[in-house]
Every structure is written in C-alpha cells, then in structure tokens.
C-alpha cells in the first residue's frame, strides 16, 4: 500500500514542531536578545529607542534586557531552541500589566540620554501612549523574533502555540498583538492562524517615513 501523502506532510510538520524547544530566558541571554529584539521591531527600535541609530538601539536593548519590570525584560521572554541553538525569542505577558511595563521601559531608556536626548525620546514615544495595544483580559504577545535561517510557517506556528499555551495556563482565553499595517507577510501569517483585526491605528504623516503608516490590533479567541 502506498503511503498517504497527507500523512507524510503531517508527520514532517509534527517532527518540525517537536524539534523546537522553549526555555525561559535568562539575563545572560542579553546579547543575542538585543539582536533578536531589534529584528522584531527594527523601525520602532531604531527611531524611538536609538533616536535614529540602529547600533545604539541594539546596545540599549541588550543592556536593559537584564532588568526586570519592563516589557522587554528577560522575565517575560522565552528562548526558542532548534538542535540546541537559539532560533528565536518571544515576549508575552498579561495585557493588564502593559501600562506599568511601558512606564518602566521609558524610565530605563531615559537613563541613556542627557537632556536633549531625553526630550527627543519623550517627544517620539508620546504619541504611542494613546495606542491601545492590548485589553486587560488578553494575554499580550509583545515581541516575536525568529532568526532568518529558521523563518517559515511551521516555525512561526510553533512560536504562537507556545504563547497560546502560556496564555491558557495563566487563565486567559484571548491572545492579542499588534502588526504593522504595511507588513504583508505578517498580516497573512496571523490571518492564517486565527488572529482577527480588532482596531487600526494610523501614524501621523510626519512619522510615516520612520515608522510606517500604522498598526493593526489583532486578537485570537482560544476557545477555552
């Protein structure tokens, strides 16, 4: 009897999913985390955190990763491993924590600048204060970064499964996230995985060239 091609595809996908392991991030992951975080939101990180300087943004992301209490901390991160090597990083936490974590992130970044830099950072980040990224009853997927050589639908799905499992264990029935409006690949990926657009937020014209046209807030009902 010939094997069912569908079974082969399912088997390969299952093996691929099982080959991806996740562990809690540690402060010692800071260097690789800085690179991965920059990859997860390059325009925002460079424009806001680095004040236009990509290398400075990467340095700051790496250094603040070791501190607890903000949205880019290792305490909310998981490291993905394929064959024992780092394949990516994901940060997620309850949406009700978001405002507090954002305030602590701003305080951390401000320490890297003198007066003019502090003022520039505050002016750049201020419009995002009014961006609703997550509801209080959602588990918020803040950052997801996969190294280039591991990118693909199956690996991305494994990351989402990990976050959704964490959400369910924490008692949440919804996962929320934000996607750039002009990122067609990400929008298609989240479409395929059940994340529905709930709101659209547009950037002001002067900021579009730096940050893109705006953001979609998406939510998935876990059906618990």
N, C-alpha and C. Protein backbone atom coordinates (compact mmCIF):
# COMPACT_ATOMS: atom_id res chain seq x y z
N UNK A 1 0.85 -1.20 0.00
CA UNK A 1 0.00 0.00 0.00
C UNK A 1 0.88 1.24 0.00
N UNK A 2 0.55 2.19 -0.87
CA UNK A 2 1.32 3.43 -0.92
C UNK A 2 0.95 4.30 0.27
N UNK A 3 1.93 4.99 0.85
CA UNK A 3 1.62 5.89 1.98
C UNK A 3 0.79 7.07 1.52
N UNK A 4 -0.05 7.54 2.40
CA UNK A 4 -0.86 8.72 2.14
C UNK A 4 0.03 9.95 2.18
N UNK A 5 0.14 10.72 1.06
CA UNK A 5 0.99 11.91 1.06
C UNK A 5 0.63 12.89 2.17
N UNK A 6 -0.67 12.93 2.50
CA UNK A 6 -1.09 13.83 3.56
C UNK A 6 -0.49 13.45 4.89
N UNK A 7 -0.34 12.12 5.13
CA UNK A 7 0.26 11.67 6.37
C UNK A 7 1.72 12.06 6.44
N UNK A 8 2.42 12.00 5.29
CA UNK A 8 3.83 12.40 5.26
C UNK A 8 3.98 13.86 5.64
N UNK A 9 3.11 14.70 5.07
CA UNK A 9 3.18 16.13 5.35
C UNK A 9 2.92 16.39 6.83
N UNK A 10 1.89 15.71 7.36
CA UNK A 10 1.56 15.90 8.77
C UNK A 10 2.71 15.43 9.65
N UNK A 11 3.31 14.28 9.29
CA UNK A 11 4.42 13.75 10.07
C UNK A 11 5.60 14.71 10.08
N UNK A 12 5.94 15.28 8.90
CA UNK A 12 7.05 16.22 8.81
C UNK A 12 6.77 17.45 9.65
N UNK A 13 5.53 17.92 9.60
CA UNK A 13 5.19 19.11 10.36
C UNK A 13 5.29 18.82 11.86
N UNK A 14 4.79 17.63 12.27
CA UNK A 14 4.85 17.28 13.69
C UNK A 14 6.28 17.18 14.17
N UNK A 15 7.15 16.57 13.35
CA UNK A 15 8.55 16.47 13.72
C UNK A 15 9.18 17.85 13.84
N UNK A 16 8.81 18.73 12.89
CA UNK A 16 9.36 20.08 12.92
C UNK A 16 8.95 20.80 14.19
N UNK A 17 7.66 20.64 14.56
CA UNK A 17 7.17 21.32 15.75
C UNK A 17 7.87 20.77 17.00
N UNK A 18 8.07 19.44 17.05
CA UNK A 18 8.69 18.84 18.21
C UNK A 18 10.16 19.22 18.33
N UNK A 19 10.78 19.55 17.22
CA UNK A 19 12.20 19.87 17.23
C UNK A 19 12.47 21.23 17.83
N UNK A 20 11.43 22.01 18.06
CA UNK A 20 11.58 23.35 18.62
C UNK A 20 11.28 23.29 20.11
N UNK A 21 12.27 23.60 20.91
CA UNK A 21 12.11 23.62 22.35
C UNK A 21 12.14 25.07 22.85
N UNK A 22 11.44 25.31 23.93
CA UNK A 22 11.42 26.64 24.53
C UNK A 22 11.89 26.55 25.97
N UNK A 23 12.65 27.53 26.37
CA UNK A 23 13.08 27.64 27.77
C UNK A 23 12.92 29.08 28.21
N UNK A 24 12.75 29.30 29.51
CA UNK A 24 12.69 30.69 30.00
C UNK A 24 14.00 31.41 29.71
N UNK A 25 13.90 32.64 29.29
CA UNK A 25 15.10 33.44 29.03
C UNK A 25 15.81 33.75 30.35
N UNK A 26 17.10 34.01 30.24
CA UNK A 26 17.92 34.40 31.38
C UNK A 26 18.61 35.73 31.08
N UNK A 27 19.05 36.40 32.11
CA UNK A 27 19.76 37.67 31.91
C UNK A 27 20.99 37.48 31.04
N UNK A 28 21.59 36.30 31.12
CA UNK A 28 22.79 36.02 30.33
C UNK A 28 22.51 35.90 28.83
N UNK A 29 21.23 35.89 28.45
CA UNK A 29 20.87 35.86 27.02
C UNK A 29 20.87 37.25 26.40
N UNK A 30 21.31 38.23 27.13
CA UNK A 30 21.13 39.64 26.74
C UNK A 30 21.69 39.95 25.35
N UNK A 31 22.86 39.45 25.02
CA UNK A 31 23.49 39.82 23.75
C UNK A 31 22.67 39.36 22.55
N UNK A 32 22.31 38.08 22.54
CA UNK A 32 21.50 37.57 21.43
C UNK A 32 20.10 38.17 21.46
N UNK A 33 19.59 38.43 22.67
CA UNK A 33 18.25 39.02 22.79
C UNK A 33 18.21 40.41 22.18
N UNK A 34 19.27 41.18 22.36
CA UNK A 34 19.31 42.52 21.77
C UNK A 34 19.18 42.48 20.26
N UNK A 35 19.87 41.53 19.64
CA UNK A 35 19.79 41.41 18.18
C UNK A 35 18.40 40.94 17.74
N UNK A 36 17.86 39.97 18.47
CA UNK A 36 16.55 39.45 18.10
C UNK A 36 15.44 40.49 18.32
N UNK A 37 15.52 41.23 19.41
CA UNK A 37 14.52 42.27 19.66
C UNK A 37 14.56 43.34 18.59
N UNK A 38 15.76 43.72 18.18
CA UNK A 38 15.87 44.72 17.11
C UNK A 38 15.22 44.19 15.84
N UNK A 39 15.40 42.90 15.56
CA UNK A 39 14.79 42.30 14.37
C UNK A 39 13.27 42.27 14.47
N UNK A 40 12.74 42.19 15.70
CA UNK A 40 11.29 42.07 15.86
C UNK A 40 10.56 43.39 15.63
N UNK A 41 11.20 44.51 15.87
CA UNK A 41 10.58 45.82 15.58
C UNK A 41 11.67 46.83 15.20
N UNK A 42 12.33 46.61 14.06
CA UNK A 42 13.50 47.43 13.69
C UNK A 42 13.22 48.91 13.53
N UNK A 43 12.10 49.25 12.90
CA UNK A 43 11.82 50.68 12.69
C UNK A 43 11.55 51.39 14.01
N UNK A 44 10.70 50.80 14.84
CA UNK A 44 10.38 51.42 16.13
C UNK A 44 11.61 51.51 17.01
N UNK A 45 12.37 50.42 17.08
CA UNK A 45 13.54 50.40 17.97
C UNK A 45 14.56 51.45 17.55
N UNK A 46 14.82 51.53 16.25
CA UNK A 46 15.81 52.49 15.76
C UNK A 46 15.34 53.93 15.96
N UNK A 47 14.12 54.22 15.59
CA UNK A 47 13.59 55.58 15.67
C UNK A 47 13.37 56.03 17.11
N UNK A 48 12.80 55.16 17.93
CA UNK A 48 12.44 55.55 19.30
C UNK A 48 13.58 55.32 20.28
N UNK A 49 14.00 54.08 20.42
CA UNK A 49 14.99 53.74 21.44
C UNK A 49 16.38 54.23 21.07
N UNK A 50 16.75 54.08 19.80
CA UNK A 50 18.07 54.51 19.35
C UNK A 50 18.12 55.93 18.84
N UNK A 51 16.99 56.64 18.83
CA UNK A 51 16.90 58.00 18.30
C UNK A 51 17.54 58.09 16.91
N UNK A 52 17.22 57.08 16.08
CA UNK A 52 17.70 57.07 14.70
C UNK A 52 18.96 56.27 14.47
N UNK A 53 19.56 55.74 15.54
CA UNK A 53 20.82 55.00 15.42
C UNK A 53 20.56 53.52 15.74
N UNK A 54 20.70 52.67 14.72
CA UNK A 54 20.40 51.24 14.90
C UNK A 54 21.34 50.56 15.88
N UNK A 55 22.63 50.86 15.79
CA UNK A 55 23.60 50.24 16.70
C UNK A 55 23.33 50.62 18.15
N UNK A 56 22.97 51.88 18.36
CA UNK A 56 22.66 52.32 19.73
C UNK A 56 21.39 51.64 20.24
N UNK A 57 20.41 51.46 19.35
CA UNK A 57 19.19 50.78 19.74
C UNK A 57 19.49 49.34 20.16
N UNK A 58 20.32 48.65 19.40
CA UNK A 58 20.68 47.27 19.73
C UNK A 58 21.40 47.20 21.07
N UNK A 59 22.30 48.13 21.32
CA UNK A 59 23.06 48.17 22.56
C UNK A 59 22.12 48.37 23.75
N UNK A 60 21.21 49.31 23.62
CA UNK A 60 20.28 49.59 24.72
C UNK A 60 19.36 48.39 24.96
N UNK A 61 18.87 47.79 23.90
CA UNK A 61 18.00 46.62 24.05
C UNK A 61 18.71 45.49 24.78
N UNK A 62 19.97 45.28 24.43
CA UNK A 62 20.75 44.22 25.10
C UNK A 62 20.94 44.53 26.58
N UNK A 63 21.25 45.77 26.88
CA UNK A 63 21.58 46.13 28.26
C UNK A 63 20.36 46.18 29.17
N UNK A 64 19.22 46.61 28.66
CA UNK A 64 18.03 46.69 29.52
C UNK A 64 17.35 45.34 29.65
N UNK A 65 17.68 44.40 28.79
CA UNK A 65 17.08 43.06 28.84
C UNK A 65 17.32 42.39 30.20
N UNK A 66 18.43 42.72 30.84
CA UNK A 66 18.81 42.05 32.10
C UNK A 66 18.01 42.55 33.30
N UNK A 67 17.26 43.64 33.14
CA UNK A 67 16.50 44.20 34.25
C UNK A 67 15.04 43.73 34.20
N UNK A 68 14.47 43.51 35.36
CA UNK A 68 13.07 43.12 35.45
C UNK A 68 12.16 44.34 35.47
N UNK A 69 10.87 44.10 35.24
CA UNK A 69 9.87 45.14 35.46
C UNK A 69 9.50 45.98 34.26
N UNK A 70 9.98 45.65 33.06
CA UNK A 70 9.57 46.40 31.86
C UNK A 70 9.25 45.40 30.75
N UNK A 71 8.66 45.87 29.66
CA UNK A 71 8.10 44.97 28.65
C UNK A 71 9.14 44.26 27.79
N UNK A 72 10.40 44.64 27.87
CA UNK A 72 11.44 43.99 27.09
C UNK A 72 12.42 43.24 27.99
N UNK A 73 11.96 42.88 29.16
CA UNK A 73 12.79 42.18 30.13
C UNK A 73 12.83 40.67 29.88
N UNK A 74 13.91 40.06 30.30
CA UNK A 74 14.05 38.61 30.18
C UNK A 74 12.99 37.86 30.96
N UNK A 75 12.41 38.50 32.01
CA UNK A 75 11.47 37.78 32.88
C UNK A 75 10.19 37.38 32.14
N UNK A 76 9.88 38.04 31.02
CA UNK A 76 8.69 37.70 30.25
C UNK A 76 9.03 37.00 28.93
N UNK A 77 10.29 36.67 28.75
CA UNK A 77 10.76 36.13 27.47
C UNK A 77 11.00 34.63 27.52
N UNK A 78 10.83 34.01 26.36
CA UNK A 78 11.20 32.61 26.16
C UNK A 78 12.16 32.54 24.99
N UNK A 79 13.16 31.69 25.11
CA UNK A 79 14.12 31.46 24.04
C UNK A 79 13.74 30.16 23.33
N UNK A 80 13.67 30.21 22.00
CA UNK A 80 13.39 29.02 21.20
C UNK A 80 14.70 28.38 20.76
N UNK A 81 14.75 27.07 20.86
CA UNK A 81 15.96 26.32 20.50
C UNK A 81 15.64 25.27 19.44
N UNK A 82 16.47 25.22 18.43
CA UNK A 82 16.41 24.16 17.43
C UNK A 82 17.77 23.47 17.42
N UNK A 83 17.77 22.18 17.72
CA UNK A 83 19.01 21.41 17.84
C UNK A 83 19.97 22.08 18.82
N UNK A 84 19.41 22.61 19.90
CA UNK A 84 20.21 23.20 20.96
C UNK A 84 20.71 24.60 20.70
N UNK A 85 20.38 25.17 19.54
CA UNK A 85 20.87 26.52 19.20
C UNK A 85 19.71 27.51 19.17
N UNK A 86 20.00 28.74 19.55
CA UNK A 86 18.96 29.76 19.61
C UNK A 86 18.36 30.01 18.24
N UNK A 87 17.05 29.86 18.16
CA UNK A 87 16.34 30.08 16.89
C UNK A 87 15.47 31.33 16.93
N UNK A 88 15.19 31.81 18.13
CA UNK A 88 14.35 33.00 18.22
C UNK A 88 13.99 33.32 19.65
N UNK A 89 13.15 34.31 19.79
CA UNK A 89 12.75 34.82 21.10
C UNK A 89 11.32 35.30 21.02
N UNK A 90 10.58 35.11 22.10
CA UNK A 90 9.22 35.62 22.18
C UNK A 90 9.00 36.20 23.57
N UNK A 91 8.32 37.35 23.61
CA UNK A 91 7.98 38.01 24.88
C UNK A 91 6.47 38.16 24.95
N UNK A 92 5.88 37.70 26.04
CA UNK A 92 4.43 37.79 26.22
C UNK A 92 4.10 37.87 27.70
N UNK A 93 2.99 38.53 28.00
CA UNK A 93 2.58 38.74 29.40
C UNK A 93 1.13 39.18 29.43
N UNK A 94 0.49 39.19 30.60
CA UNK A 94 -0.89 39.65 30.69
C UNK A 94 -1.04 41.12 30.26
N UNK A 95 -2.07 41.38 29.47
CA UNK A 95 -2.29 42.74 28.97
C UNK A 95 -2.49 43.77 30.06
N UNK A 96 -3.02 43.34 31.20
CA UNK A 96 -3.27 44.28 32.29
C UNK A 96 -1.98 44.87 32.86
N UNK A 97 -0.84 44.25 32.55
CA UNK A 97 0.45 44.74 33.02
C UNK A 97 1.08 45.77 32.08
N UNK A 98 0.51 45.93 30.90
CA UNK A 98 1.18 46.67 29.84
C UNK A 98 1.52 48.11 30.18
N UNK A 99 0.58 48.86 30.72
CA UNK A 99 0.84 50.27 31.02
C UNK A 99 2.00 50.44 32.01
N UNK A 100 1.98 49.63 33.06
CA UNK A 100 3.05 49.70 34.05
C UNK A 100 4.39 49.33 33.43
N UNK A 101 4.42 48.29 32.62
CA UNK A 101 5.67 47.85 31.99
C UNK A 101 6.18 48.89 31.00
N UNK A 102 5.27 49.56 30.30
CA UNK A 102 5.68 50.63 29.38
C UNK A 102 6.33 51.79 30.13
N UNK A 103 5.74 52.18 31.26
CA UNK A 103 6.31 53.28 32.04
C UNK A 103 7.72 52.94 32.51
N UNK A 104 7.92 51.72 32.96
CA UNK A 104 9.24 51.31 33.43
C UNK A 104 10.24 51.22 32.28
N UNK A 105 9.76 50.84 31.10
CA UNK A 105 10.65 50.82 29.93
C UNK A 105 11.12 52.23 29.60
N UNK A 106 10.22 53.19 29.61
CA UNK A 106 10.59 54.58 29.33
C UNK A 106 11.64 55.06 30.32
N UNK A 107 11.47 54.75 31.59
CA UNK A 107 12.45 55.16 32.60
C UNK A 107 13.81 54.56 32.33
N UNK A 108 13.83 53.29 31.90
CA UNK A 108 15.10 52.62 31.60
C UNK A 108 15.82 53.29 30.44
N UNK A 109 15.08 53.57 29.38
CA UNK A 109 15.70 54.15 28.18
C UNK A 109 16.18 55.58 28.45
N UNK A 110 15.43 56.33 29.22
CA UNK A 110 15.81 57.71 29.51
C UNK A 110 17.18 57.81 30.17
N UNK A 111 17.59 56.78 30.89
CA UNK A 111 18.87 56.80 31.58
C UNK A 111 20.06 56.84 30.61
N UNK A 112 19.81 56.55 29.35
CA UNK A 112 20.90 56.52 28.36
C UNK A 112 21.14 57.89 27.71
N UNK A 113 20.30 58.85 28.02
CA UNK A 113 20.41 60.13 27.33
C UNK A 113 20.53 61.31 28.30
N UNK A 114 21.15 62.37 27.79
CA UNK A 114 21.18 63.63 28.52
C UNK A 114 19.94 64.42 28.15
N UNK A 115 19.90 65.68 28.54
CA UNK A 115 18.66 66.45 28.44
C UNK A 115 18.05 66.45 27.04
N UNK A 116 18.83 66.79 26.03
CA UNK A 116 18.27 66.88 24.68
C UNK A 116 17.80 65.52 24.18
N UNK A 117 18.57 64.48 24.51
CA UNK A 117 18.17 63.13 24.12
C UNK A 117 16.91 62.68 24.83
N UNK A 118 16.82 63.02 26.13
CA UNK A 118 15.62 62.67 26.89
C UNK A 118 14.39 63.34 26.27
N UNK A 119 14.53 64.61 25.92
CA UNK A 119 13.41 65.35 25.34
C UNK A 119 13.02 64.74 24.00
N UNK A 120 14.01 64.41 23.17
CA UNK A 120 13.73 63.81 21.86
C UNK A 120 13.02 62.47 22.01
N UNK A 121 13.47 61.68 22.96
CA UNK A 121 12.85 60.36 23.18
C UNK A 121 11.40 60.53 23.63
N UNK A 122 11.15 61.43 24.59
CA UNK A 122 9.79 61.63 25.09
C UNK A 122 8.86 62.10 23.97
N UNK A 123 9.35 63.03 23.15
CA UNK A 123 8.53 63.53 22.04
C UNK A 123 8.22 62.43 21.03
N UNK A 124 9.18 61.54 20.82
CA UNK A 124 8.96 60.47 19.85
C UNK A 124 8.03 59.38 20.37
N UNK A 125 8.13 59.09 21.66
CA UNK A 125 7.34 57.99 22.21
C UNK A 125 5.95 58.44 22.66
N UNK A 126 5.75 59.74 22.87
CA UNK A 126 4.50 60.23 23.42
C UNK A 126 3.27 59.84 22.62
N UNK A 127 3.26 59.94 21.27
CA UNK A 127 2.05 59.54 20.52
C UNK A 127 1.65 58.09 20.73
N UNK A 128 2.59 57.23 21.06
CA UNK A 128 2.28 55.81 21.26
C UNK A 128 1.58 55.55 22.58
N UNK A 129 1.58 56.56 23.46
CA UNK A 129 0.86 56.42 24.73
C UNK A 129 -0.63 56.18 24.47
N UNK A 130 -1.12 56.72 23.36
CA UNK A 130 -2.55 56.64 23.05
C UNK A 130 -2.88 55.42 22.17
N UNK A 131 -1.88 54.59 21.88
CA UNK A 131 -2.10 53.39 21.09
C UNK A 131 -2.54 52.25 22.01
N UNK A 132 -3.75 51.74 21.80
CA UNK A 132 -4.23 50.61 22.60
C UNK A 132 -3.69 49.32 21.98
N UNK A 133 -2.73 48.72 22.64
CA UNK A 133 -2.13 47.50 22.12
C UNK A 133 -2.83 46.25 22.62
N UNK A 134 -3.38 46.31 23.81
CA UNK A 134 -3.98 45.11 24.40
C UNK A 134 -5.06 45.48 25.40
N UNK A 135 -6.07 44.63 25.50
CA UNK A 135 -7.09 44.78 26.54
C UNK A 135 -6.62 44.06 27.80
N UNK A 136 -7.21 44.40 28.91
CA UNK A 136 -6.78 43.85 30.19
C UNK A 136 -7.07 42.35 30.31
N UNK A 137 -8.05 41.87 29.57
CA UNK A 137 -8.39 40.45 29.67
C UNK A 137 -7.69 39.60 28.61
N UNK A 138 -6.68 40.17 27.95
CA UNK A 138 -5.93 39.44 26.94
C UNK A 138 -4.52 39.12 27.43
N UNK A 139 -3.95 38.07 26.89
CA UNK A 139 -2.53 37.78 27.06
C UNK A 139 -1.85 38.43 25.87
N UNK A 140 -0.89 39.29 26.13
CA UNK A 140 -0.34 40.14 25.06
C UNK A 140 0.98 39.58 24.53
N UNK A 141 1.03 39.34 23.23
CA UNK A 141 2.25 38.94 22.55
C UNK A 141 3.00 40.20 22.14
N UNK A 142 3.99 40.57 22.90
CA UNK A 142 4.69 41.84 22.72
C UNK A 142 5.73 41.80 21.62
N UNK A 143 6.54 40.73 21.59
CA UNK A 143 7.63 40.63 20.61
C UNK A 143 7.80 39.18 20.18
N UNK A 144 7.99 38.99 18.88
CA UNK A 144 8.27 37.67 18.35
C UNK A 144 9.35 37.82 17.27
N UNK A 145 10.47 37.17 17.47
CA UNK A 145 11.57 37.27 16.52
C UNK A 145 12.13 35.89 16.24
N UNK A 146 12.27 35.56 14.95
CA UNK A 146 12.82 34.28 14.52
C UNK A 146 14.04 34.56 13.65
N UNK A 147 15.13 33.89 13.92
CA UNK A 147 16.33 34.08 13.12
C UNK A 147 16.05 33.73 11.66
N UNK A 148 16.67 34.48 10.74
CA UNK A 148 16.36 34.35 9.32
C UNK A 148 16.38 32.92 8.81
N UNK A 149 17.38 32.15 9.19
CA UNK A 149 17.52 30.80 8.63
C UNK A 149 16.45 29.84 9.12
N UNK A 150 15.70 30.22 10.15
CA UNK A 150 14.66 29.35 10.68
C UNK A 150 13.25 29.84 10.34
N UNK A 151 13.15 30.94 9.62
CA UNK A 151 11.83 31.50 9.36
C UNK A 151 11.03 30.61 8.42
N UNK A 152 9.75 30.48 8.72
CA UNK A 152 8.85 29.67 7.92
C UNK A 152 7.55 29.50 8.67
N UNK A 153 6.51 29.07 7.96
CA UNK A 153 5.19 28.96 8.56
C UNK A 153 5.18 28.03 9.77
N UNK A 154 5.83 26.88 9.67
CA UNK A 154 5.77 25.90 10.74
C UNK A 154 6.47 26.40 12.00
N UNK A 155 7.62 27.04 11.83
CA UNK A 155 8.34 27.57 12.99
C UNK A 155 7.52 28.68 13.65
N UNK A 156 6.96 29.55 12.83
CA UNK A 156 6.12 30.62 13.37
C UNK A 156 4.93 30.07 14.14
N UNK A 157 4.32 29.02 13.61
CA UNK A 157 3.19 28.41 14.29
C UNK A 157 3.60 27.82 15.64
N UNK A 158 4.81 27.27 15.70
CA UNK A 158 5.31 26.72 16.97
C UNK A 158 5.44 27.83 18.01
N UNK A 159 5.91 29.00 17.59
CA UNK A 159 6.03 30.14 18.50
C UNK A 159 4.64 30.54 19.02
N UNK A 160 3.67 30.62 18.11
CA UNK A 160 2.32 31.00 18.52
C UNK A 160 1.72 29.96 19.47
N UNK A 161 1.94 28.69 19.17
CA UNK A 161 1.43 27.63 20.04
C UNK A 161 2.02 27.77 21.44
N UNK A 162 3.30 28.10 21.51
CA UNK A 162 3.95 28.30 22.81
C UNK A 162 3.28 29.44 23.58
N UNK A 163 3.06 30.56 22.91
CA UNK A 163 2.43 31.71 23.58
C UNK A 163 1.00 31.39 23.98
N UNK A 164 0.25 30.75 23.10
CA UNK A 164 -1.14 30.43 23.39
C UNK A 164 -1.24 29.44 24.55
N UNK A 165 -0.28 28.53 24.66
CA UNK A 165 -0.24 27.60 25.79
C UNK A 165 0.04 28.34 27.08
N UNK A 166 1.00 29.27 27.03
CA UNK A 166 1.28 30.09 28.21
C UNK A 166 0.04 30.88 28.63
N UNK A 167 -0.66 31.42 27.65
CA UNK A 167 -1.86 32.20 27.94
C UNK A 167 -2.91 31.34 28.63
N UNK A 168 -3.15 30.16 28.08
CA UNK A 168 -4.16 29.27 28.65
C UNK A 168 -3.80 28.86 30.07
N UNK A 169 -2.53 28.56 30.31
CA UNK A 169 -2.10 28.17 31.65
C UNK A 169 -2.27 29.31 32.65
N UNK A 170 -2.16 30.54 32.14
CA UNK A 170 -2.32 31.71 33.01
C UNK A 170 -3.79 32.11 33.17
N UNK A 171 -4.70 31.37 32.52
CA UNK A 171 -6.12 31.62 32.68
C UNK A 171 -6.72 32.58 31.69
N UNK A 172 -6.05 32.82 30.57
CA UNK A 172 -6.55 33.75 29.56
C UNK A 172 -7.15 32.98 28.39
N UNK A 173 -8.25 33.50 27.85
CA UNK A 173 -8.91 32.88 26.70
C UNK A 173 -8.66 33.64 25.41
N UNK A 174 -7.88 34.75 25.49
CA UNK A 174 -7.59 35.54 24.30
C UNK A 174 -6.11 35.95 24.28
N UNK A 175 -5.55 36.00 23.08
CA UNK A 175 -4.19 36.50 22.89
C UNK A 175 -4.26 37.68 21.92
N UNK A 176 -3.64 38.78 22.30
CA UNK A 176 -3.63 39.96 21.45
C UNK A 176 -2.22 40.32 21.01
N UNK A 177 -2.13 41.06 19.92
CA UNK A 177 -0.84 41.50 19.40
C UNK A 177 -1.06 42.69 18.46
N UNK A 178 0.05 43.30 18.05
CA UNK A 178 0.00 44.44 17.13
C UNK A 178 0.87 44.13 15.92
N UNK A 179 0.36 44.43 14.74
CA UNK A 179 1.07 44.18 13.48
C UNK A 179 1.16 45.48 12.69
N UNK A 180 2.30 45.71 12.04
CA UNK A 180 2.43 46.87 11.16
C UNK A 180 1.49 46.71 9.96
N UNK A 181 0.79 47.76 9.61
CA UNK A 181 -0.16 47.72 8.50
C UNK A 181 0.51 47.33 7.19
N UNK A 182 1.74 47.78 6.98
CA UNK A 182 2.40 47.54 5.70
C UNK A 182 3.24 46.26 5.66
N UNK A 183 3.14 45.42 6.69
CA UNK A 183 3.87 44.15 6.70
C UNK A 183 2.95 43.05 6.20
N UNK A 184 2.95 42.83 4.88
CA UNK A 184 2.01 41.89 4.28
C UNK A 184 2.25 40.45 4.73
N UNK A 185 3.52 40.07 4.88
CA UNK A 185 3.83 38.69 5.29
C UNK A 185 3.29 38.40 6.69
N UNK A 186 3.49 39.33 7.60
CA UNK A 186 2.99 39.13 8.97
C UNK A 186 1.47 39.11 9.00
N UNK A 187 0.85 40.00 8.26
CA UNK A 187 -0.62 40.03 8.24
C UNK A 187 -1.18 38.71 7.72
N UNK A 188 -0.58 38.18 6.67
CA UNK A 188 -1.03 36.91 6.11
C UNK A 188 -0.81 35.77 7.11
N UNK A 189 0.34 35.80 7.78
CA UNK A 189 0.66 34.77 8.77
C UNK A 189 -0.38 34.76 9.89
N UNK A 190 -0.70 35.93 10.43
CA UNK A 190 -1.66 35.99 11.53
C UNK A 190 -3.08 35.72 11.04
N UNK A 191 -3.39 36.09 9.81
CA UNK A 191 -4.68 35.70 9.22
C UNK A 191 -4.83 34.18 9.24
N UNK A 192 -3.77 33.50 8.80
CA UNK A 192 -3.81 32.04 8.69
C UNK A 192 -3.88 31.34 10.04
N UNK A 193 -3.53 32.08 11.11
CA UNK A 193 -3.51 31.47 12.44
C UNK A 193 -4.60 32.01 13.36
N UNK A 194 -5.62 32.63 12.78
CA UNK A 194 -6.81 32.96 13.54
C UNK A 194 -6.80 34.27 14.29
N UNK A 195 -5.86 35.16 13.99
CA UNK A 195 -5.79 36.46 14.67
C UNK A 195 -6.57 37.49 13.86
N UNK A 196 -7.66 37.97 14.44
CA UNK A 196 -8.61 38.83 13.74
C UNK A 196 -8.35 40.29 14.07
N UNK A 197 -8.46 41.16 13.05
CA UNK A 197 -8.25 42.59 13.24
C UNK A 197 -9.38 43.17 14.08
N UNK A 198 -9.01 43.85 15.17
CA UNK A 198 -9.99 44.48 16.05
C UNK A 198 -9.96 46.00 15.97
N UNK A 199 -8.81 46.55 15.60
CA UNK A 199 -8.69 48.01 15.53
C UNK A 199 -7.51 48.36 14.62
N UNK A 200 -7.57 49.57 14.05
CA UNK A 200 -6.48 50.08 13.23
C UNK A 200 -6.09 51.45 13.77
N UNK A 201 -4.81 51.65 13.96
CA UNK A 201 -4.28 52.93 14.45
C UNK A 201 -3.29 53.46 13.43
N UNK A 202 -3.51 54.69 12.99
CA UNK A 202 -2.66 55.29 11.96
C UNK A 202 -1.63 56.23 12.58
N UNK A 203 -0.44 56.24 12.01
CA UNK A 203 0.60 57.18 12.42
C UNK A 203 0.34 58.54 11.76
N UNK A 204 0.82 59.60 12.39
CA UNK A 204 0.72 60.93 11.79
C UNK A 204 1.66 61.02 10.60
N UNK A 205 1.34 61.86 9.65
CA UNK A 205 2.12 61.95 8.40
C UNK A 205 3.62 62.16 8.61
N UNK A 206 4.04 63.04 9.54
CA UNK A 206 5.49 63.25 9.70
C UNK A 206 6.24 62.00 10.18
N UNK A 207 5.54 61.04 10.78
CA UNK A 207 6.19 59.86 11.34
C UNK A 207 6.14 58.65 10.41
N UNK A 208 5.35 58.73 9.36
CA UNK A 208 5.16 57.58 8.47
C UNK A 208 6.47 57.11 7.84
N UNK A 209 7.31 58.04 7.44
CA UNK A 209 8.57 57.65 6.79
C UNK A 209 9.51 56.92 7.74
N UNK A 210 9.31 57.09 9.05
CA UNK A 210 10.16 56.43 10.05
C UNK A 210 9.53 55.14 10.59
N UNK A 211 8.22 55.16 10.77
CA UNK A 211 7.55 54.07 11.47
C UNK A 211 6.55 53.30 10.62
N UNK A 212 6.28 53.79 9.40
CA UNK A 212 5.26 53.15 8.60
C UNK A 212 3.90 53.79 8.84
N UNK A 213 2.90 53.36 8.08
CA UNK A 213 1.59 54.04 8.14
C UNK A 213 0.77 53.79 9.40
N UNK A 214 1.05 52.70 10.12
CA UNK A 214 0.27 52.46 11.32
C UNK A 214 0.24 50.99 11.70
N UNK A 215 -0.77 50.63 12.52
CA UNK A 215 -0.77 49.32 13.16
C UNK A 215 -2.17 48.71 13.19
N UNK A 216 -2.20 47.40 13.12
CA UNK A 216 -3.43 46.65 13.35
C UNK A 216 -3.35 45.99 14.73
N UNK A 217 -4.42 46.10 15.50
CA UNK A 217 -4.50 45.32 16.74
C UNK A 217 -5.31 44.08 16.42
N UNK A 218 -4.73 42.91 16.69
CA UNK A 218 -5.37 41.64 16.37
C UNK A 218 -5.55 40.80 17.64
N UNK A 219 -6.60 40.00 17.62
CA UNK A 219 -6.91 39.14 18.77
C UNK A 219 -7.33 37.77 18.28
N UNK A 220 -6.92 36.76 19.02
CA UNK A 220 -7.38 35.39 18.76
C UNK A 220 -8.11 34.85 19.98
N UNK A 221 -9.29 34.32 19.77
CA UNK A 221 -10.05 33.63 20.82
C UNK A 221 -9.55 32.20 20.89
N UNK A 222 -9.12 31.77 22.06
CA UNK A 222 -8.55 30.44 22.20
C UNK A 222 -9.59 29.36 22.35
N UNK A 223 -10.83 29.73 22.55
CA UNK A 223 -11.90 28.75 22.62
C UNK A 223 -11.85 27.87 23.86
N UNK A 224 -11.41 28.46 24.96
CA UNK A 224 -11.31 27.68 26.20
C UNK A 224 -12.65 27.63 26.93
